Amino acid sequence: MILIDLNQVCIANILQEIKQIKKIEPLLVKHMILSTLLFYRRKFSVRYGELVICCDSKRSWRKDVFAFYKANRKTNRQKDDIDWNGIFEVINSLTDDLVKQFPYAVIRVDQAEADDIIGAIANHYNSNEKIMIVSSDKDFLQLQKNPNVEQYSPTQKKNLTCDDPSQYLKEHIMKGDRGDGIPNFLSDDDTFVTDKRSKKILKTKLEAWKTLDPTEFCDEKMYRGWKRNEQIVDLSHTPTDIKQKIVDQYDTYEYNRRDKLLNYFIQNKFRNLIEHIGDF
C-alpha cells in the first residue's frame, strides 16, 4: 500500500508552486494536488499497491497530554503572507471529494493525526504488505524497524533510509522537535512559548545516551522529559483505542466505484485529468 501523508504532501506541493500567490484558486489547487496523487500512484502502485489517504483530525490527542504541542504554529503562520486559511479550506474540501468520489481508502479518525494513521497501519500490516510512506517527515523513519516499510520524500525526491531506527527514535525523543513545539528532554515544557532557553545536550552525551536505556542515565527530571517526548513522538504510543479505530476503519472501508471519477472531472472542468482517468 502507498500511505499518503495528505496535509504534508499537499502543503509541500502548494508552497512549491504558488508561494507568491496571495489569493488561492481552489480549482487550481485541487488540480495540482490530484495531479500529485496521480504521479505517486503511477510511480509506486505496481510494487506497493493502492493509495491510502491519511488525514489529520481537526484536534490531536497530543494536545490533551501536552498543552504546548504545536502551540506556535498558528502564530508563526499569521506572520507570513501565505493564505493559510484558504489552503486548509481547499485541502478540507478536496478531502471530502476524495471520500465521496475516489476509489481509495481515505482514513480520518477523531483525534488522530496522519502520523498516527500511518504508524498504526504500518505497524499492523507490515508482515503482509509492502508499504511505501509518501512524506518528507522524518518522524516516520522509526517505522523502518518493521520489514517491508519504506519512505519517499516529496521535497528531496528520493527514498529516506535509516540504518538504526531504534537509535534514531531515541535521539528524536531526546532532541525533541521545535517545529511541533516539543523541547528537548532536558528542557521545560513551556520552553518554546516563553523566553526560556533550551538546555544544551552535548553531542558526546547524546551519542552515548542513545545506546542506553533511559533508566541507565536519567535522573528524575530527565526521565520525566524523556517520557513526555516519548509519548508524543513514538508512534507505538498512540492511544490503543485510536489505533484500533484506524485499523477497523481501514479493514471495513467501503470503496467508491471508479466510474464516479468521470462526472467529477467533468463537473470541475479537469480536462487534463480526464485524459489520464485510467491511471487514477
Protein backbone atom coordinates (compact mmCIF):
# COMPACT_ATOMS: atom_id res chain seq x y z
CA MET A 1 0.00 0.00 0.00
CA ILE A 2 1.02 3.62 -0.58
CA LEU A 3 0.41 5.68 2.57
CA ILE A 4 -0.04 9.34 1.64
CA ASP A 5 0.53 11.93 4.38
CA LEU A 6 -2.13 14.16 2.82
CA ASN A 7 -1.60 17.50 4.57
CA GLN A 8 2.17 17.28 4.34
CA VAL A 9 2.17 16.31 0.69
CA CYS A 10 -0.44 18.95 -0.19
CA ILE A 11 1.26 21.82 1.63
CA ALA A 12 4.69 20.97 0.24
CA ASN A 13 3.24 20.84 -3.26
CA ILE A 14 1.26 24.07 -2.89
CA LEU A 15 4.13 26.08 -1.40
CA GLN A 16 6.48 24.95 -4.12
CA GLU A 17 4.10 26.04 -6.87
CA ILE A 18 2.20 29.07 -5.58
CA LYS A 19 4.13 30.53 -2.66
CA GLN A 20 3.91 34.04 -4.08
CA ILE A 21 0.19 33.92 -4.86
CA LYS A 22 -1.81 35.62 -2.13
CA LYS A 23 -5.25 34.51 -3.38
CA ILE A 24 -5.84 30.78 -3.52
CA GLU A 25 -7.64 29.47 -6.60
CA PRO A 26 -9.48 26.39 -5.25
CA LEU A 27 -9.86 24.50 -8.52
CA LEU A 28 -6.25 25.15 -9.49
CA VAL A 29 -5.03 23.88 -6.11
CA LYS A 30 -7.27 20.80 -6.29
CA HIS A 31 -5.99 20.06 -9.79
CA MET A 32 -2.39 20.33 -8.57
CA ILE A 33 -2.97 18.00 -5.64
CA LEU A 34 -4.83 15.42 -7.71
CA SER A 35 -2.04 15.51 -10.29
CA THR A 36 0.42 14.85 -7.48
CA LEU A 37 -1.60 11.88 -6.22
CA LEU A 38 -1.71 10.57 -9.79
CA PHE A 39 2.08 10.90 -10.01
CA TYR A 40 2.60 8.83 -6.84
CA ARG A 41 0.11 6.19 -7.94
CA ARG A 42 1.92 5.82 -11.25
CA LYS A 43 5.31 5.76 -9.54
CA PHE A 44 4.56 3.21 -6.81
CA SER A 45 1.36 1.22 -7.46
CA VAL A 46 2.93 -1.64 -9.41
CA ARG A 47 5.21 -2.52 -6.50
CA TYR A 48 3.21 -1.30 -3.49
CA GLY A 49 -0.45 -1.45 -4.44
CA GLU A 50 -3.14 1.15 -3.91
CA LEU A 51 -3.16 4.63 -2.39
CA VAL A 52 -4.31 5.06 1.20
CA ILE A 53 -5.00 8.72 2.01
CA CYS A 54 -4.07 9.51 5.62
CA CYS A 55 -5.69 12.65 7.05
CA ASP A 56 -5.26 14.86 10.11
CA SER A 57 -8.14 15.28 12.52
CA LYS A 58 -9.02 18.85 13.49
CA ARG A 59 -7.72 18.21 17.01
CA SER A 60 -4.95 15.84 18.06
CA TRP A 61 -4.94 13.75 21.22
CA ARG A 62 -1.41 15.10 21.76
CA LYS A 63 -2.84 18.47 22.77
CA ASP A 64 -4.56 16.74 25.69
CA VAL A 65 -1.34 15.22 27.01
CA PHE A 66 0.96 18.15 26.18
CA ALA A 67 -0.68 21.59 26.17
CA PHE A 68 2.13 23.26 24.20
CA TYR A 69 2.03 20.83 21.27
CA LYS A 70 2.30 22.90 18.04
CA ALA A 71 1.41 25.95 20.14
CA ASN A 72 3.30 28.44 17.96
CA ARG A 73 2.28 27.18 14.54
CA LYS A 74 -0.79 29.38 14.17
CA THR A 75 1.12 32.46 15.39
CA ASN A 76 4.02 31.80 13.03
CA ARG A 77 1.68 31.33 10.07
CA GLN A 78 -0.02 34.64 10.80
CA LYS A 79 3.33 36.38 10.32
CA ASP A 80 3.77 35.39 6.67
CA ASP A 81 1.77 36.42 3.61
CA ILE A 82 0.51 32.97 2.65
CA ASP A 83 -3.26 32.45 2.70
CA TRP A 84 -3.20 29.51 5.11
CA ASN A 85 -6.94 29.62 5.74
CA GLY A 86 -7.53 29.37 2.01
CA ILE A 87 -5.07 26.48 1.72
CA PHE A 88 -6.71 24.48 4.52
CA GLU A 89 -10.21 25.17 3.18
CA VAL A 90 -9.19 23.71 -0.17
CA ILE A 91 -7.48 20.70 1.43
CA ASN A 92 -10.58 20.00 3.54
CA SER A 93 -12.84 20.35 0.51
CA LEU A 94 -10.63 18.04 -1.54
CA THR A 95 -10.56 15.51 1.30
CA ASP A 96 -14.36 15.40 1.17
CA ASP A 97 -14.15 14.92 -2.60
CA LEU A 98 -11.72 12.04 -2.14
CA VAL A 99 -14.07 10.38 0.35
CA LYS A 100 -17.15 10.74 -1.89
CA GLN A 101 -15.73 10.28 -5.38
CA PHE A 102 -12.39 8.43 -5.47
CA PRO A 103 -11.67 4.69 -5.29
CA TYR A 104 -9.13 4.97 -2.47
CA ALA A 105 -9.31 4.42 1.28
CA VAL A 106 -9.41 7.86 2.92
CA ILE A 107 -8.75 7.36 6.63
CA ARG A 108 -9.91 10.02 9.09
CA VAL A 109 -10.24 9.22 12.79
CA ASP A 110 -11.24 11.67 15.50
CA GLN A 111 -8.20 13.00 17.45
CA ALA A 112 -5.75 11.15 15.19
CA GLU A 113 -3.12 12.81 13.03
CA ALA A 114 -1.87 11.36 9.75
CA ASP A 115 1.21 10.29 11.76
CA ASP A 116 -0.98 8.06 13.93
CA ILE A 117 -2.75 6.58 10.91
CA ILE A 118 0.47 5.85 9.07
CA GLY A 119 2.05 4.43 12.22
CA ALA A 120 -0.91 2.22 13.09
CA ILE A 121 -1.27 0.83 9.56
CA ALA A 122 2.47 0.31 9.03
CA ASN A 123 2.87 -1.42 12.38
CA HIS A 124 -0.20 -3.62 11.84
CA TYR A 125 0.14 -4.69 8.20
CA ASN A 126 3.90 -4.73 7.50
CA SER A 127 4.23 -8.52 7.60
CA ASN A 128 1.70 -9.00 4.78
CA GLU A 129 2.08 -5.83 2.68
CA LYS A 130 4.83 -3.84 1.05
CA ILE A 131 4.38 -0.32 2.35
CA MET A 132 5.60 2.96 0.88
CA ILE A 133 5.12 6.06 3.03
CA VAL A 134 4.96 9.25 0.97
CA SER A 135 6.01 12.08 3.28
CA SER A 136 9.05 14.23 3.94
CA ASP A 137 8.51 13.95 7.71
CA LYS A 138 11.48 12.12 9.21
CA ASP A 139 9.35 11.03 12.18
CA PHE A 140 8.41 8.05 10.02
CA LEU A 141 11.98 6.71 9.91
CA GLN A 142 11.18 4.96 13.19
CA LEU A 143 8.74 2.73 11.28
CA GLN A 144 11.62 1.17 9.35
CA LYS A 145 12.05 -1.09 12.36
CA ASN A 146 9.36 -3.11 10.57
CA PRO A 147 10.00 -5.26 7.50
CA ASN A 148 8.59 -4.06 4.17
CA VAL A 149 8.33 -0.39 5.20
CA GLU A 150 9.97 2.29 3.04
CA GLN A 151 9.63 6.08 2.77
CA TYR A 152 9.77 8.53 -0.11
CA SER A 153 10.35 12.26 0.48
CA PRO A 154 8.48 14.54 -1.97
CA THR A 155 10.72 17.51 -1.09
CA GLN A 156 14.01 15.64 -1.53
CA LYS A 157 12.61 13.46 -4.33
CA LYS A 158 14.29 10.34 -3.00
CA ASN A 159 13.81 7.47 -0.59
CA LEU A 160 14.71 8.12 3.04
CA THR A 161 16.53 5.31 4.81
CA CYS A 162 17.56 4.67 8.39
CA ASP A 163 20.24 2.18 9.40
CA ASP A 164 19.15 2.01 13.04
CA PRO A 165 15.51 3.07 13.59
CA SER A 166 15.71 2.33 17.32
CA GLN A 167 18.63 4.70 17.90
CA TYR A 168 17.05 7.27 15.59
CA LEU A 169 13.89 7.23 17.71
CA LYS A 170 15.88 7.59 20.94
CA GLU A 171 17.74 10.58 19.50
CA HIS A 172 14.46 12.14 18.38
CA ILE A 173 12.98 11.69 21.84
CA MET A 174 15.99 13.36 23.43
CA LYS A 175 16.25 16.23 20.94
CA GLY A 176 12.53 16.96 20.70
CA ASP A 177 11.03 18.79 17.73
CA ARG A 178 10.95 22.60 17.63
CA GLY A 179 8.51 22.59 14.71
CA ASP A 180 5.97 20.72 16.83
CA GLY A 181 6.74 22.72 19.98
CA ILE A 182 8.42 19.76 21.71
CA PRO A 183 11.50 20.79 23.74
CA ASN A 184 14.47 18.50 24.21
CA PHE A 185 14.14 16.17 27.15
CA LEU A 186 16.34 18.33 29.41
CA SER A 187 14.15 21.43 28.96
CA ASP A 188 10.87 22.63 30.49
CA ASP A 189 7.51 22.02 28.84
CA ASP A 190 6.94 25.71 28.06
CA THR A 191 10.39 26.41 26.59
CA PHE A 192 9.09 27.42 23.14
CA VAL A 193 6.19 29.57 24.35
CA THR A 194 8.23 31.60 26.85
CA ASP A 195 11.63 33.30 26.84
CA LYS A 196 13.36 30.27 28.31
CA ARG A 197 16.44 28.89 26.59
CA SER A 198 16.69 25.22 25.71
CA LYS A 199 19.21 23.32 27.78
CA LYS A 200 22.02 22.15 25.55
CA ILE A 201 22.64 18.45 25.01
CA LEU A 202 26.32 17.75 24.45
CA LYS A 203 26.92 15.70 21.33
CA THR A 204 29.19 13.27 23.16
CA LYS A 205 26.49 12.60 25.74
CA LEU A 206 23.80 12.25 23.07
CA GLU A 207 25.86 9.63 21.25
CA ALA A 208 26.39 7.68 24.46
CA TRP A 209 22.82 8.01 25.75
CA LYS A 210 21.14 6.77 22.58
CA THR A 211 22.83 3.39 23.03
CA LEU A 212 21.42 3.04 26.56
CA ASP A 213 18.06 2.54 28.22
CA PRO A 214 16.90 5.87 29.71
CA THR A 215 16.75 4.32 33.18
CA GLU A 216 20.53 3.93 32.98
CA PHE A 217 21.34 7.63 32.67
CA CYS A 218 18.28 9.74 33.55
CA ASP A 219 17.71 11.49 36.85
CA GLU A 220 14.10 12.17 37.86
CA LYS A 221 13.70 15.38 35.82
CA MET A 222 15.42 13.93 32.75
CA TYR A 223 13.23 10.86 32.90
CA ARG A 224 10.08 12.98 33.07
CA GLY A 225 11.24 14.86 29.95
CA TRP A 226 12.02 11.58 28.25
CA LYS A 227 8.55 10.13 28.98
CA ARG A 228 6.89 13.38 27.85
CA ASN A 229 8.65 13.29 24.49
CA GLU A 230 8.35 9.54 24.07
CA GLN A 231 4.58 9.71 24.39
CA ILE A 232 4.35 12.38 21.71
CA VAL A 233 6.88 11.20 19.09
CA ASP A 234 6.97 7.40 19.44
CA LEU A 235 4.18 6.19 17.14
CA SER A 236 3.80 2.99 19.12
CA HIS A 237 2.47 5.23 21.94
CA THR A 238 -0.59 6.39 20.03
CA PRO A 239 -3.51 5.55 22.35
CA THR A 240 -4.71 1.98 21.88
CA ASP A 241 -8.33 2.94 21.20
CA ILE A 242 -7.28 5.33 18.42
CA LYS A 243 -5.01 2.72 16.82
CA GLN A 244 -7.87 0.21 16.88
CA LYS A 245 -10.27 2.69 15.24
CA ILE A 246 -7.71 3.30 12.48
CA VAL A 247 -7.26 -0.40 11.76
CA ASP A 248 -11.01 -1.04 11.93
CA GLN A 249 -11.77 1.83 9.56
CA TYR A 250 -9.22 0.56 7.03
CA ASP A 251 -10.44 -3.05 7.30
CA THR A 252 -14.10 -2.13 6.75
CA TYR A 253 -13.64 0.74 4.28
CA GLU A 254 -16.29 0.91 1.53
CA TYR A 255 -14.59 1.94 -1.69
CA ASN A 256 -16.19 4.10 -4.36
CA ARG A 257 -16.60 2.77 -7.90
CA ARG A 258 -14.09 4.17 -10.37
CA ASP A 259 -16.85 5.21 -12.75
CA LYS A 260 -17.70 8.12 -10.43
CA LEU A 261 -14.49 9.88 -11.48
CA LEU A 262 -15.62 10.93 -14.95
CA ASN A 263 -18.57 13.03 -13.74
CA TYR A 264 -16.38 14.56 -11.02
CA PHE A 265 -13.70 15.60 -13.51
CA ILE A 266 -16.30 16.97 -15.93
CA GLN A 267 -18.09 18.99 -13.24
CA ASN A 268 -14.80 20.53 -12.12
CA LYS A 269 -13.52 21.05 -15.69
CA PHE A 270 -10.41 18.95 -15.04
CA ARG A 271 -9.93 18.18 -18.73
CA ASN A 272 -6.27 17.22 -18.38
CA LEU A 273 -7.15 14.68 -15.71
CA ILE A 274 -9.89 13.14 -17.86
CA GLU A 275 -7.19 12.20 -20.37
CA HIS A 276 -5.48 10.13 -17.65
CA ILE A 277 -8.59 8.80 -15.87
CA GLY A 278 -7.47 5.22 -16.38
CA ASP A 279 -4.39 5.85 -14.22
CA PHE A 280 -6.34 7.02 -11.15
